[in-house]
Amino acid sequence: MSDKTDSATDPEFDDFEGDHFQVTITVDVIASNPTEAAMLAYWSLNDELPDTFDVKDEAGNSEEITLTEEQKEEALLDELSLDVL
């Protein structure tokens, strides 16, 4: 993956264990310019979180993941230990 963060040069990755993944959320909007499009996407994500994500591993393999209702509830629990930047 060309834009992956190199853990050797990024000290923020020192405390994390596991593989590197890139998660993409796509929001389709109709706008008059790129800034308006970004603002509409932000508004949309703020209003309703998506449940489907495009997840790409370090090798560039992409997989679409749709979370179940149970997985979405678990992801929002305070006691869930996730390494999120």
PDB file of N, CA and C in Angstrom:
ATOM      1  N   MET A   1       0.860  -1.159   0.000  1.00  0.00           N
ATOM      2  CA  MET A   1       0.000   0.000   0.000  1.00  0.00           C
ATOM      3  C   MET A   1       0.905   1.219   0.000  1.00  0.00           C
ATOM      4  N   SER A   2       0.781   2.076  -0.958  1.00  0.00           N
ATOM      5  CA  SER A   2       1.723   3.173  -1.132  1.00  0.00           C
ATOM      6  C   SER A   2       1.620   4.229  -0.044  1.00  0.00           C
ATOM      7  N   ASP A   3       0.457   4.391   0.566  1.00  0.00           N
ATOM      8  CA  ASP A   3       0.298   5.441   1.563  1.00  0.00           C
ATOM      9  C   ASP A   3       0.319   4.891   2.985  1.00  0.00           C
ATOM     10  N   LYS A   4       0.832   3.692   3.175  1.00  0.00           N
ATOM     11  CA  LYS A   4       0.847   3.121   4.514  1.00  0.00           C
ATOM     12  C   LYS A   4       1.880   3.835   5.371  1.00  0.00           C
ATOM     13  N   THR A   5       1.605   3.915   6.641  1.00  0.00           N
ATOM     14  CA  THR A   5       2.511   4.563   7.573  1.00  0.00           C
ATOM     15  C   THR A   5       3.591   3.579   7.987  1.00  0.00           C
ATOM     16  N   ASP A   6       4.816   4.004   7.946  1.00  0.00           N
ATOM     17  CA  ASP A   6       5.940   3.159   8.333  1.00  0.00           C
ATOM     18  C   ASP A   6       6.127   3.257   9.840  1.00  0.00           C
ATOM     19  N   SER A   7       5.928   2.147  10.546  1.00  0.00           N
ATOM     20  CA  SER A   7       6.022   2.167  12.003  1.00  0.00           C
ATOM     21  C   SER A   7       7.418   2.550  12.481  1.00  0.00           C
ATOM     22  N   ALA A   8       8.417   2.355  11.653  1.00  0.00           N
ATOM     23  CA  ALA A   8       9.782   2.716  12.053  1.00  0.00           C
ATOM     24  C   ALA A   8       9.971   4.221  12.107  1.00  0.00           C
ATOM     25  N   THR A   9       9.192   4.975  11.357  1.00  0.00           N
ATOM     26  CA  THR A   9       9.343   6.430  11.335  1.00  0.00           C
ATOM     27  C   THR A   9       8.209   7.149  12.049  1.00  0.00           C
ATOM     28  N   ASP A  10       7.166   6.451  12.448  1.00  0.00           N
ATOM     29  CA  ASP A  10       6.024   7.080  13.107  1.00  0.00           C
ATOM     30  C   ASP A  10       5.909   6.554  14.535  1.00  0.00           C
ATOM     31  N   PRO A  11       6.336   7.356  15.535  1.00  0.00           N
ATOM     32  CA  PRO A  11       6.324   6.888  16.919  1.00  0.00           C
ATOM     33  C   PRO A  11       4.920   6.601  17.449  1.00  0.00           C
ATOM     34  N   GLU A  12       3.879   7.146  16.824  1.00  0.00           N
ATOM     35  CA  GLU A  12       2.519   6.880  17.283  1.00  0.00           C
ATOM     36  C   GLU A  12       2.141   5.415  17.105  1.00  0.00           C
ATOM     37  N   PHE A  13       2.826   4.686  16.226  1.00  0.00           N
ATOM     38  CA  PHE A  13       2.520   3.286  15.992  1.00  0.00           C
ATOM     39  C   PHE A  13       3.263   2.358  16.955  1.00  0.00           C
ATOM     40  N   ASP A  14       4.161   2.880  17.780  1.00  0.00           N
ATOM     41  CA  ASP A  14       4.939   2.043  18.686  1.00  0.00           C
ATOM     42  C   ASP A  14       4.069   1.277  19.674  1.00  0.00           C
ATOM     43  N   ASP A  15       2.960   1.863  20.111  1.00  0.00           N
ATOM     44  CA  ASP A  15       2.114   1.252  21.126  1.00  0.00           C
ATOM     45  C   ASP A  15       1.074   0.303  20.552  1.00  0.00           C
ATOM     46  N   PHE A  16       0.998   0.155  19.237  1.00  0.00           N
ATOM     47  CA  PHE A  16      -0.031  -0.656  18.609  1.00  0.00           C
ATOM     48  C   PHE A  16       0.529  -1.987  18.145  1.00  0.00           C
ATOM     49  N   GLU A  17      -0.277  -3.031  18.304  1.00  0.00           N
ATOM     50  CA  GLU A  17       0.098  -4.350  17.821  1.00  0.00           C
ATOM     51  C   GLU A  17      -0.914  -4.781  16.779  1.00  0.00           C
ATOM     52  N   GLY A  18      -0.467  -5.506  15.773  1.00  0.00           N
ATOM     53  CA  GLY A  18      -1.371  -6.008  14.749  1.00  0.00           C
ATOM     54  C   GLY A  18      -0.945  -5.543  13.378  1.00  0.00           C
ATOM     55  N   ASP A  19      -1.767  -5.881  12.415  1.00  0.00           N
ATOM     56  CA  ASP A  19      -1.498  -5.538  11.026  1.00  0.00           C
ATOM     57  C   ASP A  19      -2.080  -4.175  10.680  1.00  0.00           C
ATOM     58  N   HIS A  20      -1.536  -3.552   9.656  1.00  0.00           N
ATOM     59  CA  HIS A  20      -2.003  -2.254   9.192  1.00  0.00           C
ATOM     60  C   HIS A  20      -3.115  -2.457   8.173  1.00  0.00           C
ATOM     61  N   PHE A  21      -4.227  -1.745   8.353  1.00  0.00           N
ATOM     62  CA  PHE A  21      -5.341  -1.782   7.415  1.00  0.00           C
ATOM     63  C   PHE A  21      -5.733  -0.365   7.066  1.00  0.00           C
ATOM     64  N   GLN A  22      -6.234  -0.182   5.875  1.00  0.00           N
ATOM     65  CA  GLN A  22      -6.767   1.108   5.445  1.00  0.00           C
ATOM     66  C   GLN A  22      -8.267   0.917   5.262  1.00  0.00           C
ATOM     67  N   VAL A  23      -9.070   1.715   5.979  1.00  0.00           N
ATOM     68  CA  VAL A  23     -10.521   1.615   5.905  1.00  0.00           C
ATOM     69  C   VAL A  23     -11.050   2.843   5.188  1.00  0.00           C
ATOM     70  N   THR A  24     -11.839   2.611   4.153  1.00  0.00           N
ATOM     71  CA  THR A  24     -12.389   3.700   3.355  1.00  0.00           C
ATOM     72  C   THR A  24     -13.899   3.742   3.523  1.00  0.00           C
ATOM     73  N   ILE A  25     -14.409   4.928   3.785  1.00  0.00           N
ATOM     74  CA  ILE A  25     -15.849   5.157   3.832  1.00  0.00           C
ATOM     75  C   ILE A  25     -16.177   6.051   2.650  1.00  0.00           C
ATOM     76  N   THR A  26     -17.082   5.614   1.806  1.00  0.00           N
ATOM     77  CA  THR A  26     -17.457   6.394   0.631  1.00  0.00           C
ATOM     78  C   THR A  26     -18.833   7.002   0.849  1.00  0.00           C
ATOM     79  N   VAL A  27     -18.917   8.298   0.635  1.00  0.00           N
ATOM     80  CA  VAL A  27     -20.188   9.005   0.731  1.00  0.00           C
ATOM     81  C   VAL A  27     -20.436   9.671  -0.614  1.00  0.00           C
ATOM     82  N   ASP A  28     -21.520   9.300  -1.282  1.00  0.00           N
ATOM     83  CA  ASP A  28     -21.873   9.921  -2.557  1.00  0.00           C
ATOM     84  C   ASP A  28     -22.741  11.146  -2.294  1.00  0.00           C
ATOM     85  N   VAL A  29     -22.310  12.293  -2.807  1.00  0.00           N
ATOM     86  CA  VAL A  29     -23.066  13.537  -2.637  1.00  0.00           C
ATOM     87  C   VAL A  29     -23.112  14.282  -3.965  1.00  0.00           C
ATOM     88  N   ILE A  30     -24.060  15.178  -4.072  1.00  0.00           N
ATOM     89  CA  ILE A  30     -24.140  16.092  -5.211  1.00  0.00           C
ATOM     90  C   ILE A  30     -23.858  17.476  -4.656  1.00  0.00           C
ATOM     91  N   ALA A  31     -22.816  18.124  -5.191  1.00  0.00           N
ATOM     92  CA  ALA A  31     -22.396  19.417  -4.663  1.00  0.00           C
ATOM     93  C   ALA A  31     -21.873  20.284  -5.796  1.00  0.00           C
ATOM     94  N   SER A  32     -21.727  21.572  -5.497  1.00  0.00           N
ATOM     95  CA  SER A  32     -21.262  22.508  -6.523  1.00  0.00           C
ATOM     96  C   SER A  32     -19.742  22.664  -6.550  1.00  0.00           C
ATOM     97  N   ASN A  33     -19.043  22.186  -5.482  1.00  0.00           N
ATOM     98  CA  ASN A  33     -17.585  22.270  -5.447  1.00  0.00           C
ATOM     99  C   ASN A  33     -17.043  21.253  -4.438  1.00  0.00           C
ATOM    100  N   PRO A  34     -15.741  20.981  -4.457  1.00  0.00           N
ATOM    101  CA  PRO A  34     -15.164  19.973  -3.564  1.00  0.00           C
ATOM    102  C   PRO A  34     -15.361  20.271  -2.076  1.00  0.00           C
ATOM    103  N   THR A  35     -15.270  21.539  -1.690  1.00  0.00           N
ATOM    104  CA  THR A  35     -15.454  21.882  -0.281  1.00  0.00           C
ATOM    105  C   THR A  35     -16.874  21.587   0.161  1.00  0.00           C
ATOM    106  N   GLU A  36     -17.832  21.965  -0.659  1.00  0.00           N
ATOM    107  CA  GLU A  36     -19.229  21.675  -0.334  1.00  0.00           C
ATOM    108  C   GLU A  36     -19.451  20.162  -0.269  1.00  0.00           C
ATOM    109  N   ALA A  37     -18.821  19.419  -1.170  1.00  0.00           N
ATOM    110  CA  ALA A  37     -18.946  17.958  -1.158  1.00  0.00           C
ATOM    111  C   ALA A  37     -18.406  17.385   0.152  1.00  0.00           C
ATOM    112  N   ALA A  38     -17.240  17.873   0.590  1.00  0.00           N
ATOM    113  CA  ALA A  38     -16.662  17.410   1.851  1.00  0.00           C
ATOM    114  C   ALA A  38     -17.565  17.766   3.025  1.00  0.00           C
ATOM    115  N   MET A  39     -18.123  18.961   3.006  1.00  0.00           N
ATOM    116  CA  MET A  39     -19.012  19.386   4.086  1.00  0.00           C
ATOM    117  C   MET A  39     -20.281  18.533   4.116  1.00  0.00           C
ATOM    118  N   LEU A  40     -20.827  18.221   2.955  1.00  0.00           N
ATOM    119  CA  LEU A  40     -22.018  17.371   2.897  1.00  0.00           C
ATOM    120  C   LEU A  40     -21.701  15.955   3.385  1.00  0.00           C
ATOM    121  N   ALA A  41     -20.525  15.451   3.031  1.00  0.00           N
ATOM    122  CA  ALA A  41     -20.123  14.124   3.497  1.00  0.00           C
ATOM    123  C   ALA A  41     -19.968  14.123   5.017  1.00  0.00           C
ATOM    124  N   TYR A  42     -19.344  15.163   5.551  1.00  0.00           N
ATOM    125  CA  TYR A  42     -19.183  15.277   7.001  1.00  0.00           C
ATOM    126  C   TYR A  42     -20.538  15.307   7.684  1.00  0.00           C
ATOM    127  N   TRP A  43     -21.445  16.106   7.160  1.00  0.00           N
ATOM    128  CA  TRP A  43     -22.797  16.199   7.717  1.00  0.00           C
ATOM    129  C   TRP A  43     -23.478  14.836   7.671  1.00  0.00           C
ATOM    130  N   SER A  44     -23.342  14.157   6.547  1.00  0.00           N
ATOM    131  CA  SER A  44     -23.964  12.851   6.377  1.00  0.00           C
ATOM    132  C   SER A  44     -23.417  11.837   7.383  1.00  0.00           C
ATOM    133  N   LEU A  45     -22.098  11.809   7.559  1.00  0.00           N
ATOM    134  CA  LEU A  45     -21.491  10.876   8.503  1.00  0.00           C
ATOM    135  C   LEU A  45     -21.834  11.231   9.940  1.00  0.00           C
ATOM    136  N   ASN A  46     -21.942  12.508  10.222  1.00  0.00           N
ATOM    137  CA  ASN A  46     -22.299  12.952  11.558  1.00  0.00           C
ATOM    138  C   ASN A  46     -23.734  12.559  11.886  1.00  0.00           C
ATOM    139  N   ASP A  47     -24.592  12.557  10.873  1.00  0.00           N
ATOM    140  CA  ASP A  47     -26.009  12.253  11.057  1.00  0.00           C
ATOM    141  C   ASP A  47     -26.248  10.754  11.211  1.00  0.00           C
ATOM    142  N   GLU A  48     -25.558   9.949  10.424  1.00  0.00           N
ATOM    143  CA  GLU A  48     -25.779   8.503  10.448  1.00  0.00           C
ATOM    144  C   GLU A  48     -24.486   7.780  10.083  1.00  0.00           C
ATOM    145  N   LEU A  49     -23.995   6.994  11.011  1.00  0.00           N
ATOM    146  CA  LEU A  49     -22.767   6.250  10.756  1.00  0.00           C
ATOM    147  C   LEU A  49     -23.025   5.132   9.753  1.00  0.00           C
ATOM    148  N   PRO A  50     -22.087   4.899   8.845  1.00  0.00           N
ATOM    149  CA  PRO A  50     -22.262   3.801   7.882  1.00  0.00           C
ATOM    150  C   PRO A  50     -22.055   2.450   8.565  1.00  0.00           C
ATOM    151  N   ASP A  51     -22.544   1.393   7.950  1.00  0.00           N
ATOM    152  CA  ASP A  51     -22.302   0.060   8.489  1.00  0.00           C
ATOM    153  C   ASP A  51     -21.490  -0.809   7.529  1.00  0.00           C
ATOM    154  N   THR A  52     -21.132  -0.245   6.367  1.00  0.00           N
ATOM    155  CA  THR A  52     -20.321  -0.968   5.393  1.00  0.00           C
ATOM    156  C   THR A  52     -19.032  -0.193   5.136  1.00  0.00           C
ATOM    157  N   PHE A  53     -17.916  -0.914   5.163  1.00  0.00           N
ATOM    158  CA  PHE A  53     -16.600  -0.309   5.016  1.00  0.00           C
ATOM    159  C   PHE A  53     -15.781  -1.095   4.005  1.00  0.00           C
ATOM    160  N   ASP A  54     -14.953  -0.396   3.254  1.00  0.00           N
ATOM    161  CA  ASP A  54     -13.988  -1.030   2.359  1.00  0.00           C
ATOM    162  C   ASP A  54     -12.683  -1.118   3.135  1.00  0.00           C
ATOM    163  N   VAL A  55     -12.237  -2.328   3.439  1.00  0.00           N
ATOM    164  CA  VAL A  55     -11.041  -2.538   4.250  1.00  0.00           C
ATOM    165  C   VAL A  55      -9.952  -3.140   3.372  1.00  0.00           C
ATOM    166  N   LYS A  56      -8.795  -2.457   3.339  1.00  0.00           N
ATOM    167  CA  LYS A  56      -7.673  -2.892   2.503  1.00  0.00           C
ATOM    168  C   LYS A  56      -6.493  -3.235   3.409  1.00  0.00           C
ATOM    169  N   ASP A  57      -5.890  -4.397   3.182  1.00  0.00           N
ATOM    170  CA  ASP A  57      -4.730  -4.789   3.981  1.00  0.00           C
ATOM    171  C   ASP A  57      -3.439  -4.270   3.351  1.00  0.00           C
ATOM    172  N   GLU A  58      -2.310  -4.558   4.011  1.00  0.00           N
ATOM    173  CA  GLU A  58      -1.017  -4.047   3.545  1.00  0.00           C
ATOM    174  C   GLU A  58      -0.663  -4.519   2.143  1.00  0.00           C
ATOM    175  N   ALA A  59      -1.159  -5.680   1.757  1.00  0.00           N
ATOM    176  CA  ALA A  59      -0.864  -6.220   0.429  1.00  0.00           C
ATOM    177  C   ALA A  59      -1.742  -5.593  -0.650  1.00  0.00           C
ATOM    178  N   GLY A  60      -2.698  -4.766  -0.235  1.00  0.00           N
ATOM    179  CA  GLY A  60      -3.586  -4.114  -1.191  1.00  0.00           C
ATOM    180  C   GLY A  60      -4.851  -4.891  -1.480  1.00  0.00           C
ATOM    181  N   ASN A  61      -5.054  -6.011  -0.776  1.00  0.00           N
ATOM    182  CA  ASN A  61      -6.276  -6.790  -0.946  1.00  0.00           C
ATOM    183  C   ASN A  61      -7.430  -6.066  -0.272  1.00  0.00           C
ATOM    184  N   SER A  62      -8.508  -5.881  -0.995  1.00  0.00           N
ATOM    185  CA  SER A  62      -9.638  -5.113  -0.497  1.00  0.00           C
ATOM    186  C   SER A  62     -10.823  -6.035  -0.242  1.00  0.00           C
ATOM    187  N   GLU A  63     -11.535  -5.759   0.853  1.00  0.00           N
ATOM    188  CA  GLU A  63     -12.708  -6.549   1.207  1.00  0.00           C
ATOM    189  C   GLU A  63     -13.774  -5.607   1.755  1.00  0.00           C
ATOM    190  N   GLU A  64     -15.002  -5.774   1.300  1.00  0.00           N
ATOM    191  CA  GLU A  64     -16.101  -4.965   1.817  1.00  0.00           C
ATOM    192  C   GLU A  64     -16.659  -5.664   3.052  1.00  0.00           C
ATOM    193  N   ILE A  65     -16.686  -4.950   4.169  1.00  0.00           N
ATOM    194  CA  ILE A  65     -17.156  -5.494   5.439  1.00  0.00           C
ATOM    195  C   ILE A  65     -18.422  -4.751   5.847  1.00  0.00           C
ATOM    196  N   THR A  66     -19.491  -5.493   6.080  1.00  0.00           N
ATOM    197  CA  THR A  66     -20.730  -4.917   6.596  1.00  0.00           C
ATOM    198  C   THR A  66     -20.922  -5.437   8.013  1.00  0.00           C
ATOM    199  N   LEU A  67     -20.995  -4.511   8.963  1.00  0.00           N
ATOM    200  CA  LEU A  67     -21.146  -4.887  10.363  1.00  0.00           C
ATOM    201  C   LEU A  67     -22.587  -5.273  10.667  1.00  0.00           C
ATOM    202  N   THR A  68     -22.744  -6.285  11.517  1.00  0.00           N
ATOM    203  CA  THR A  68     -24.071  -6.668  11.993  1.00  0.00           C
ATOM    204  C   THR A  68     -24.499  -5.675  13.076  1.00  0.00           C
ATOM    205  N   GLU A  69     -25.761  -5.720  13.446  1.00  0.00           N
ATOM    206  CA  GLU A  69     -26.245  -4.841  14.523  1.00  0.00           C
ATOM    207  C   GLU A  69     -25.464  -5.106  15.810  1.00  0.00           C
ATOM    208  N   GLU A  70     -25.196  -6.373  16.097  1.00  0.00           N
ATOM    209  CA  GLU A  70     -24.445  -6.739  17.297  1.00  0.00           C
ATOM    210  C   GLU A  70     -23.025  -6.175  17.251  1.00  0.00           C
ATOM    211  N   GLN A  71     -22.375  -6.256  16.097  1.00  0.00           N
ATOM    212  CA  GLN A  71     -21.011  -5.728  15.954  1.00  0.00           C
ATOM    213  C   GLN A  71     -20.997  -4.209  16.098  1.00  0.00           C
ATOM    214  N   LYS A  72     -22.017  -3.525  15.566  1.00  0.00           N
ATOM    215  CA  LYS A  72     -22.079  -2.062  15.699  1.00  0.00           C
ATOM    216  C   LYS A  72     -22.255  -1.672  17.159  1.00  0.00           C
ATOM    217  N   GLU A  73     -23.108  -2.392  17.890  1.00  0.00           N
ATOM    218  CA  GLU A  73     -23.301  -2.103  19.311  1.00  0.00           C
ATOM    219  C   GLU A  73     -22.008  -2.338  20.082  1.00  0.00           C
ATOM    220  N   GLU A  74     -21.318  -3.442  19.780  1.00  0.00           N
ATOM    221  CA  GLU A  74     -20.063  -3.758  20.454  1.00  0.00           C
ATOM    222  C   GLU A  74     -18.998  -2.699  20.174  1.00  0.00           C
ATOM    223  N   ALA A  75     -18.956  -2.198  18.942  1.00  0.00           N
ATOM    224  CA  ALA A  75     -17.961  -1.187  18.571  1.00  0.00           C
ATOM    225  C   ALA A  75     -18.152   0.114  19.342  1.00  0.00           C
ATOM    226  N   LEU A  76     -19.377   0.388  19.774  1.00  0.00           N
ATOM    227  CA  LEU A  76     -19.660   1.632  20.481  1.00  0.00           C
ATOM    228  C   LEU A  76     -19.539   1.506  21.996  1.00  0.00           C
ATOM    229  N   LEU A  77     -19.286   0.306  22.503  1.00  0.00           N
ATOM    230  CA  LEU A  77     -19.150   0.113  23.942  1.00  0.00           C
ATOM    231  C   LEU A  77     -17.884   0.785  24.455  1.00  0.00           C
ATOM    232  N   ASP A  78     -17.991   1.413  25.619  1.00  0.00           N
ATOM    233  CA  ASP A  78     -16.842   2.090  26.224  1.00  0.00           C
ATOM    234  C   ASP A  78     -15.720   1.122  26.558  1.00  0.00           C
ATOM    235  N   GLU A  79     -16.072  -0.099  26.950  1.00  0.00           N
ATOM    236  CA  GLU A  79     -15.035  -1.028  27.387  1.00  0.00           C
ATOM    237  C   GLU A  79     -14.356  -1.763  26.237  1.00  0.00           C
ATOM    238  N   LEU A  80     -14.794  -1.530  25.001  1.00  0.00           N
ATOM    239  CA  LEU A  80     -14.144  -2.167  23.857  1.00  0.00           C
ATOM    240  C   LEU A  80     -12.752  -1.578  23.689  1.00  0.00           C
ATOM    241  N   SER A  81     -11.758  -2.423  23.619  1.00  0.00           N
ATOM    242  CA  SER A  81     -10.383  -1.956  23.498  1.00  0.00           C
ATOM    243  C   SER A  81      -9.964  -2.012  22.035  1.00  0.00           C
ATOM    244  N   LEU A  82     -10.023  -0.871  21.379  1.00  0.00           N
ATOM    245  CA  LEU A  82      -9.623  -0.769  19.976  1.00  0.00           C
ATOM    246  C   LEU A  82      -8.412   0.142  19.871  1.00  0.00           C
ATOM    247  N   ASP A  83      -7.499  -0.194  18.992  1.00  0.00           N
ATOM    248  CA  ASP A  83      -6.368   0.679  18.699  1.00  0.00           C
ATOM    249  C   ASP A  83      -6.765   1.541  17.517  1.00  0.00           C
ATOM    250  N   VAL A  84      -7.301   2.718  17.800  1.00  0.00           N
ATOM    251  CA  VAL A  84      -7.777   3.612  16.750  1.00  0.00           C
ATOM    252  C   VAL A  84      -6.974   4.892  16.808  1.00  0.00           C
ATOM    253  N   LEU A  85      -6.466   5.305  15.674  1.00  0.00           N
ATOM    254  CA  LEU A  85      -5.704   6.558  15.608  1.00  0.00           C
ATOM    255  C   LEU A  85      -6.644   7.717  15.488  1.00  0.00           C
TER     256      LEU A  85
END
